[in-house]
Amino acid sequence: MTGVFYRAPSPDAPPYVEVGDVVEEGQIVCLIEAMKVFNEMPAERSGRVVEICAENGQLVEQGSVLFRLEPQEAGA
């Protein structure tokens, strides 16, 4: 299935995450709109966002890499 990638919950809202942000597993990082339904997408693991791989409004396929995370060391 394909959908449209959105970095923020609305056009005038700030993005869920930016490069450099630390995210926790399960934290909402973006929306995917598929079949007129907006689906909140959680981070699959904790880490620091080092790259946002999709452009806002881009059509993405299931399994597409949307973010690259680097693991956080304990205590970091």
PDB file of N, CA and C in Angstrom:
ATOM      1  N   MET A   1       0.840  -1.172   0.000  1.00  0.00           N
ATOM      2  CA  MET A   1       0.000   0.000   0.000  1.00  0.00           C
ATOM      3  C   MET A   1       0.891   1.243   0.000  1.00  0.00           C
ATOM      4  N   THR A   2       0.438   2.271  -0.663  1.00  0.00           N
ATOM      5  CA  THR A   2       1.163   3.531  -0.689  1.00  0.00           C
ATOM      6  C   THR A   2       0.396   4.586   0.086  1.00  0.00           C
ATOM      7  N   GLY A   3       1.091   5.642   0.466  1.00  0.00           N
ATOM      8  CA  GLY A   3       0.466   6.743   1.184  1.00  0.00           C
ATOM      9  C   GLY A   3       1.315   7.986   1.061  1.00  0.00           C
ATOM     10  N   VAL A   4       0.785   9.093   1.555  1.00  0.00           N
ATOM     11  CA  VAL A   4       1.487  10.367   1.497  1.00  0.00           C
ATOM     12  C   VAL A   4       2.101  10.657   2.866  1.00  0.00           C
ATOM     13  N   PHE A   5       3.385  10.983   2.863  1.00  0.00           N
ATOM     14  CA  PHE A   5       4.166  11.257   4.073  1.00  0.00           C
ATOM     15  C   PHE A   5       3.999  12.713   4.476  1.00  0.00           C
ATOM     16  N   TYR A   6       3.679  12.932   5.748  1.00  0.00           N
ATOM     17  CA  TYR A   6       3.586  14.290   6.294  1.00  0.00           C
ATOM     18  C   TYR A   6       4.425  14.372   7.558  1.00  0.00           C
ATOM     19  N   ARG A   7       5.250  15.418   7.657  1.00  0.00           N
ATOM     20  CA  ARG A   7       6.126  15.602   8.818  1.00  0.00           C
ATOM     21  C   ARG A   7       5.424  16.235  10.000  1.00  0.00           C
ATOM     22  N   ALA A   8       4.255  16.861   9.775  1.00  0.00           N
ATOM     23  CA  ALA A   8       3.557  17.593  10.838  1.00  0.00           C
ATOM     24  C   ALA A   8       2.083  17.208  10.848  1.00  0.00           C
ATOM     25  N   PRO A   9       1.400  17.441  11.975  1.00  0.00           N
ATOM     26  CA  PRO A   9      -0.018  17.079  12.063  1.00  0.00           C
ATOM     27  C   PRO A   9      -0.935  17.977  11.241  1.00  0.00           C
ATOM     28  N   SER A  10      -0.462  19.182  10.866  1.00  0.00           N
ATOM     29  CA  SER A  10      -1.229  20.088  10.010  1.00  0.00           C
ATOM     30  C   SER A  10      -0.242  21.006   9.302  1.00  0.00           C
ATOM     31  N   PRO A  11      -0.671  21.660   8.222  1.00  0.00           N
ATOM     32  CA  PRO A  11       0.259  22.497   7.455  1.00  0.00           C
ATOM     33  C   PRO A  11       0.916  23.625   8.257  1.00  0.00           C
ATOM     34  N   ASP A  12       0.226  24.158   9.261  1.00  0.00           N
ATOM     35  CA  ASP A  12       0.788  25.273  10.026  1.00  0.00           C
ATOM     36  C   ASP A  12       1.408  24.840  11.358  1.00  0.00           C
ATOM     37  N   ALA A  13       1.479  23.551  11.606  1.00  0.00           N
ATOM     38  CA  ALA A  13       2.065  23.026  12.850  1.00  0.00           C
ATOM     39  C   ALA A  13       3.547  22.704  12.633  1.00  0.00           C
ATOM     40  N   PRO A  14       4.332  22.729  13.700  1.00  0.00           N
ATOM     41  CA  PRO A  14       5.740  22.330  13.562  1.00  0.00           C
ATOM     42  C   PRO A  14       5.849  20.827  13.291  1.00  0.00           C
ATOM     43  N   PRO A  15       6.945  20.403  12.656  1.00  0.00           N
ATOM     44  CA  PRO A  15       7.145  18.967  12.405  1.00  0.00           C
ATOM     45  C   PRO A  15       7.206  18.179  13.710  1.00  0.00           C
ATOM     46  N   TYR A  16       6.818  16.919  13.620  1.00  0.00           N
ATOM     47  CA  TYR A  16       6.920  16.036  14.787  1.00  0.00           C
ATOM     48  C   TYR A  16       8.368  15.940  15.265  1.00  0.00           C
ATOM     49  N   VAL A  17       9.300  15.779  14.324  1.00  0.00           N
ATOM     50  CA  VAL A  17      10.721  15.661  14.672  1.00  0.00           C
ATOM     51  C   VAL A  17      11.571  16.392  13.642  1.00  0.00           C
ATOM     52  N   GLU A  18      12.771  16.765  14.085  1.00  0.00           N
ATOM     53  CA  GLU A  18      13.784  17.394  13.238  1.00  0.00           C
ATOM     54  C   GLU A  18      15.064  16.576  13.351  1.00  0.00           C
ATOM     55  N   VAL A  19      15.975  16.750  12.392  1.00  0.00           N
ATOM     56  CA  VAL A  19      17.288  16.122  12.487  1.00  0.00           C
ATOM     57  C   VAL A  19      17.938  16.602  13.782  1.00  0.00           C
ATOM     58  N   GLY A  20      18.497  15.667  14.531  1.00  0.00           N
ATOM     59  CA  GLY A  20      19.137  15.975  15.808  1.00  0.00           C
ATOM     60  C   GLY A  20      18.268  15.665  17.011  1.00  0.00           C
ATOM     61  N   ASP A  21      16.957  15.536  16.797  1.00  0.00           N
ATOM     62  CA  ASP A  21      16.057  15.206  17.905  1.00  0.00           C
ATOM     63  C   ASP A  21      16.279  13.768  18.368  1.00  0.00           C
ATOM     64  N   VAL A  22      16.107  13.546  19.654  1.00  0.00           N
ATOM     65  CA  VAL A  22      16.137  12.195  20.217  1.00  0.00           C
ATOM     66  C   VAL A  22      14.691  11.739  20.357  1.00  0.00           C
ATOM     67  N   VAL A  23      14.394  10.555  19.813  1.00  0.00           N
ATOM     68  CA  VAL A  23      13.043  10.008  19.889  1.00  0.00           C
ATOM     69  C   VAL A  23      13.060   8.719  20.700  1.00  0.00           C
ATOM     70  N   GLU A  24      11.925   8.437  21.291  1.00  0.00           N
ATOM     71  CA  GLU A  24      11.739   7.205  22.052  1.00  0.00           C
ATOM     72  C   GLU A  24      10.925   6.224  21.221  1.00  0.00           C
ATOM     73  N   GLU A  25      11.154   4.947  21.405  1.00  0.00           N
ATOM     74  CA  GLU A  25      10.357   3.926  20.735  1.00  0.00           C
ATOM     75  C   GLU A  25       8.881   4.196  21.011  1.00  0.00           C
ATOM     76  N   GLY A  26       8.068   4.199  19.958  1.00  0.00           N
ATOM     77  CA  GLY A  26       6.636   4.431  20.096  1.00  0.00           C
ATOM     78  C   GLY A  26       6.213   5.883  19.953  1.00  0.00           C
ATOM     79  N   GLN A  27       7.170   6.811  19.964  1.00  0.00           N
ATOM     80  CA  GLN A  27       6.853   8.234  19.805  1.00  0.00           C
ATOM     81  C   GLN A  27       6.384   8.497  18.373  1.00  0.00           C
ATOM     82  N   ILE A  28       5.341   9.301  18.210  1.00  0.00           N
ATOM     83  CA  ILE A  28       4.840   9.633  16.874  1.00  0.00           C
ATOM     84  C   ILE A  28       5.863  10.516  16.171  1.00  0.00           C
ATOM     85  N   VAL A  29       6.261  10.113  14.951  1.00  0.00           N
ATOM     86  CA  VAL A  29       7.278  10.854  14.204  1.00  0.00           C
ATOM     87  C   VAL A  29       6.762  11.432  12.890  1.00  0.00           C
ATOM     88  N   CYS A  30       5.597  10.954  12.419  1.00  0.00           N
ATOM     89  CA  CYS A  30       5.034  11.479  11.179  1.00  0.00           C
ATOM     90  C   CYS A  30       3.618  10.936  10.995  1.00  0.00           C
ATOM     91  N   LEU A  31       2.975  11.413   9.937  1.00  0.00           N
ATOM     92  CA  LEU A  31       1.675  10.890   9.517  1.00  0.00           C
ATOM     93  C   LEU A  31       1.820  10.289   8.130  1.00  0.00           C
ATOM     94  N   ILE A  32       1.054   9.243   7.864  1.00  0.00           N
ATOM     95  CA  ILE A  32       0.926   8.695   6.519  1.00  0.00           C
ATOM     96  C   ILE A  32      -0.564   8.710   6.188  1.00  0.00           C
ATOM     97  N   GLU A  33      -0.905   9.387   5.088  1.00  0.00           N
ATOM     98  CA  GLU A  33      -2.296   9.420   4.634  1.00  0.00           C
ATOM     99  C   GLU A  33      -2.480   8.335   3.581  1.00  0.00           C
ATOM    100  N   ALA A  34      -3.363   7.398   3.866  1.00  0.00           N
ATOM    101  CA  ALA A  34      -3.666   6.318   2.932  1.00  0.00           C
ATOM    102  C   ALA A  34      -5.177   6.156   2.875  1.00  0.00           C
ATOM    103  N   MET A  35      -5.722   6.185   1.681  1.00  0.00           N
ATOM    104  CA  MET A  35      -7.164   6.022   1.470  1.00  0.00           C
ATOM    105  C   MET A  35      -7.956   7.038   2.305  1.00  0.00           C
ATOM    106  N   LYS A  36      -7.487   8.294   2.315  1.00  0.00           N
ATOM    107  CA  LYS A  36      -8.154   9.416   3.000  1.00  0.00           C
ATOM    108  C   LYS A  36      -8.133   9.291   4.524  1.00  0.00           C
ATOM    109  N   VAL A  37      -7.320   8.385   5.062  1.00  0.00           N
ATOM    110  CA  VAL A  37      -7.190   8.211   6.512  1.00  0.00           C
ATOM    111  C   VAL A  37      -5.762   8.588   6.907  1.00  0.00           C
ATOM    112  N   PHE A  38      -5.638   9.435   7.938  1.00  0.00           N
ATOM    113  CA  PHE A  38      -4.327   9.829   8.447  1.00  0.00           C
ATOM    114  C   PHE A  38      -3.921   8.867   9.558  1.00  0.00           C
ATOM    115  N   ASN A  39      -2.778   8.229   9.377  1.00  0.00           N
ATOM    116  CA  ASN A  39      -2.270   7.246  10.333  1.00  0.00           C
ATOM    117  C   ASN A  39      -1.023   7.797  11.009  1.00  0.00           C
ATOM    118  N   GLU A  40      -1.043   7.873  12.347  1.00  0.00           N
ATOM    119  CA  GLU A  40       0.136   8.291  13.096  1.00  0.00           C
ATOM    120  C   GLU A  40       1.150   7.159  13.070  1.00  0.00           C
ATOM    121  N   MET A  41       2.389   7.503  12.739  1.00  0.00           N
ATOM    122  CA  MET A  41       3.433   6.491  12.641  1.00  0.00           C
ATOM    123  C   MET A  41       4.413   6.645  13.799  1.00  0.00           C
ATOM    124  N   PRO A  42       4.563   5.587  14.606  1.00  0.00           N
ATOM    125  CA  PRO A  42       5.493   5.643  15.738  1.00  0.00           C
ATOM    126  C   PRO A  42       6.914   5.233  15.337  1.00  0.00           C
ATOM    127  N   ALA A  43       7.882   5.727  16.090  1.00  0.00           N
ATOM    128  CA  ALA A  43       9.268   5.285  15.912  1.00  0.00           C
ATOM    129  C   ALA A  43       9.354   3.807  16.292  1.00  0.00           C
ATOM    130  N   GLU A  44      10.057   3.034  15.486  1.00  0.00           N
ATOM    131  CA  GLU A  44      10.209   1.603  15.761  1.00  0.00           C
ATOM    132  C   GLU A  44      11.222   1.336  16.864  1.00  0.00           C
ATOM    133  N   ARG A  45      12.100   2.310  17.107  1.00  0.00           N
ATOM    134  CA  ARG A  45      13.099   2.172  18.165  1.00  0.00           C
ATOM    135  C   ARG A  45      13.518   3.557  18.624  1.00  0.00           C
ATOM    136  N   SER A  46      14.223   3.614  19.727  1.00  0.00           N
ATOM    137  CA  SER A  46      14.742   4.879  20.244  1.00  0.00           C
ATOM    138  C   SER A  46      16.035   5.237  19.530  1.00  0.00           C
ATOM    139  N   GLY A  47      16.332   6.534  19.462  1.00  0.00           N
ATOM    140  CA  GLY A  47      17.589   6.991  18.881  1.00  0.00           C
ATOM    141  C   GLY A  47      17.527   8.452  18.500  1.00  0.00           C
ATOM    142  N   ARG A  48      18.635   8.944  17.943  1.00  0.00           N
ATOM    143  CA  ARG A  48      18.724  10.325  17.473  1.00  0.00           C
ATOM    144  C   ARG A  48      18.457  10.346  15.966  1.00  0.00           C
ATOM    145  N   VAL A  49      17.594  11.255  15.524  1.00  0.00           N
ATOM    146  CA  VAL A  49      17.283  11.396  14.100  1.00  0.00           C
ATOM    147  C   VAL A  49      18.505  11.990  13.402  1.00  0.00           C
ATOM    148  N   VAL A  50      19.083  11.250  12.455  1.00  0.00           N
ATOM    149  CA  VAL A  50      20.241  11.740  11.711  1.00  0.00           C
ATOM    150  C   VAL A  50      19.892  12.090  10.270  1.00  0.00           C
ATOM    151  N   GLU A  51      18.752  11.601   9.787  1.00  0.00           N
ATOM    152  CA  GLU A  51      18.325  11.927   8.425  1.00  0.00           C
ATOM    153  C   GLU A  51      16.823  11.729   8.306  1.00  0.00           C
ATOM    154  N   ILE A  52      16.180  12.652   7.603  1.00  0.00           N
ATOM    155  CA  ILE A  52      14.774  12.490   7.225  1.00  0.00           C
ATOM    156  C   ILE A  52      14.803  12.155   5.740  1.00  0.00           C
ATOM    157  N   CYS A  53      14.400  10.943   5.394  1.00  0.00           N
ATOM    158  CA  CYS A  53      14.616  10.394   4.056  1.00  0.00           C
ATOM    159  C   CYS A  53      13.499  10.704   3.064  1.00  0.00           C
ATOM    160  N   ALA A  54      12.355  11.156   3.538  1.00  0.00           N
ATOM    161  CA  ALA A  54      11.227  11.459   2.656  1.00  0.00           C
ATOM    162  C   ALA A  54      10.914  12.950   2.743  1.00  0.00           C
ATOM    163  N   GLU A  55      10.428  13.499   1.648  1.00  0.00           N
ATOM    164  CA  GLU A  55      10.013  14.899   1.604  1.00  0.00           C
ATOM    165  C   GLU A  55       8.559  15.008   2.036  1.00  0.00           C
ATOM    166  N   ASN A  56       8.226  16.104   2.685  1.00  0.00           N
ATOM    167  CA  ASN A  56       6.841  16.343   3.083  1.00  0.00           C
ATOM    168  C   ASN A  56       5.944  16.304   1.844  1.00  0.00           C
ATOM    169  N   GLY A  57       4.867  15.537   1.914  1.00  0.00           N
ATOM    170  CA  GLY A  57       3.939  15.411   0.790  1.00  0.00           C
ATOM    171  C   GLY A  57       4.328  14.354  -0.230  1.00  0.00           C
ATOM    172  N   GLN A  58       5.428  13.655   0.006  1.00  0.00           N
ATOM    173  CA  GLN A  58       5.912  12.628  -0.920  1.00  0.00           C
ATOM    174  C   GLN A  58       5.086  11.355  -0.802  1.00  0.00           C
ATOM    175  N   LEU A  59       4.823  10.723  -1.932  1.00  0.00           N
ATOM    176  CA  LEU A  59       4.170   9.420  -1.954  1.00  0.00           C
ATOM    177  C   LEU A  59       5.208   8.368  -1.570  1.00  0.00           C
ATOM    178  N   VAL A  60       4.892   7.568  -0.559  1.00  0.00           N
ATOM    179  CA  VAL A  60       5.814   6.531  -0.087  1.00  0.00           C
ATOM    180  C   VAL A  60       5.105   5.181  -0.097  1.00  0.00           C
ATOM    181  N   GLU A  61       5.899   4.128  -0.205  1.00  0.00           N
ATOM    182  CA  GLU A  61       5.358   2.772  -0.203  1.00  0.00           C
ATOM    183  C   GLU A  61       5.618   2.110   1.140  1.00  0.00           C
ATOM    184  N   GLN A  62       4.808   1.119   1.452  1.00  0.00           N
ATOM    185  CA  GLN A  62       5.022   0.348   2.675  1.00  0.00           C
ATOM    186  C   GLN A  62       6.438  -0.200   2.656  1.00  0.00           C
ATOM    187  N   GLY A  63       7.142  -0.056   3.759  1.00  0.00           N
ATOM    188  CA  GLY A  63       8.515  -0.530   3.857  1.00  0.00           C
ATOM    189  C   GLY A  63       9.556   0.518   3.502  1.00  0.00           C
ATOM    190  N   SER A  64       9.133   1.695   3.020  1.00  0.00           N
ATOM    191  CA  SER A  64      10.079   2.765   2.692  1.00  0.00           C
ATOM    192  C   SER A  64      10.792   3.241   3.952  1.00  0.00           C
ATOM    193  N   VAL A  65      12.061   3.584   3.804  1.00  0.00           N
ATOM    194  CA  VAL A  65      12.807   4.183   4.912  1.00  0.00           C
ATOM    195  C   VAL A  65      12.423   5.655   4.970  1.00  0.00           C
ATOM    196  N   LEU A  66      11.866   6.081   6.104  1.00  0.00           N
ATOM    197  CA  LEU A  66      11.422   7.464   6.269  1.00  0.00           C
ATOM    198  C   LEU A  66      12.414   8.278   7.089  1.00  0.00           C
ATOM    199  N   PHE A  67      13.043   7.635   8.062  1.00  0.00           N
ATOM    200  CA  PHE A  67      14.004   8.289   8.953  1.00  0.00           C
ATOM    201  C   PHE A  67      15.176   7.352   9.178  1.00  0.00           C
ATOM    202  N   ARG A  68      16.338   7.936   9.402  1.00  0.00           N
ATOM    203  CA  ARG A  68      17.492   7.158   9.856  1.00  0.00           C
ATOM    204  C   ARG A  68      17.801   7.620  11.276  1.00  0.00           C
ATOM    205  N   LEU A  69      17.936   6.638  12.165  1.00  0.00           N
ATOM    206  CA  LEU A  69      18.227   6.915  13.573  1.00  0.00           C
ATOM    207  C   LEU A  69      19.568   6.311  13.937  1.00  0.00           C
ATOM    208  N   GLU A  70      20.300   7.000  14.805  1.00  0.00           N
ATOM    209  CA  GLU A  70      21.497   6.387  15.381  1.00  0.00           C
ATOM    210  C   GLU A  70      21.173   6.057  16.826  1.00  0.00           C
ATOM    211  N   PRO A  71      21.594   4.897  17.278  1.00  0.00           N
ATOM    212  CA  PRO A  71      21.304   4.501  18.661  1.00  0.00           C
ATOM    213  C   PRO A  71      21.927   5.487  19.645  1.00  0.00           C
ATOM    214  N   GLN A  72      21.266   5.664  20.755  1.00  0.00           N
ATOM    215  CA  GLN A  72      21.778   6.503  21.836  1.00  0.00           C
ATOM    216  C   GLN A  72      22.483   5.609  22.841  1.00  0.00           C
ATOM    217  N   GLU A  73      23.641   6.035  23.276  1.00  0.00           N
ATOM    218  CA  GLU A  73      24.354   5.279  24.307  1.00  0.00           C
ATOM    219  C   GLU A  73      23.681   5.513  25.644  1.00  0.00           C
ATOM    220  N   ALA A  74      23.763   4.551  26.513  1.00  0.00           N
ATOM    221  CA  ALA A  74      23.163   4.673  27.846  1.00  0.00           C
ATOM    222  C   ALA A  74      23.707   5.908  28.541  1.00  0.00           C
ATOM    223  N   GLY A  75      22.787   6.690  29.103  1.00  0.00           N
ATOM    224  CA  GLY A  75      23.176   7.894  29.817  1.00  0.00           C
ATOM    225  C   GLY A  75      23.370   9.104  28.939  1.00  0.00           C
ATOM    226  N   ALA A  76      23.186   8.958  27.616  1.00  0.00           N
ATOM    227  CA  ALA A  76      23.375  10.092  26.691  1.00  0.00           C
ATOM    228  C   ALA A  76      22.112  10.895  26.561  1.00  0.00           C
TER     229      ALA A  76
END
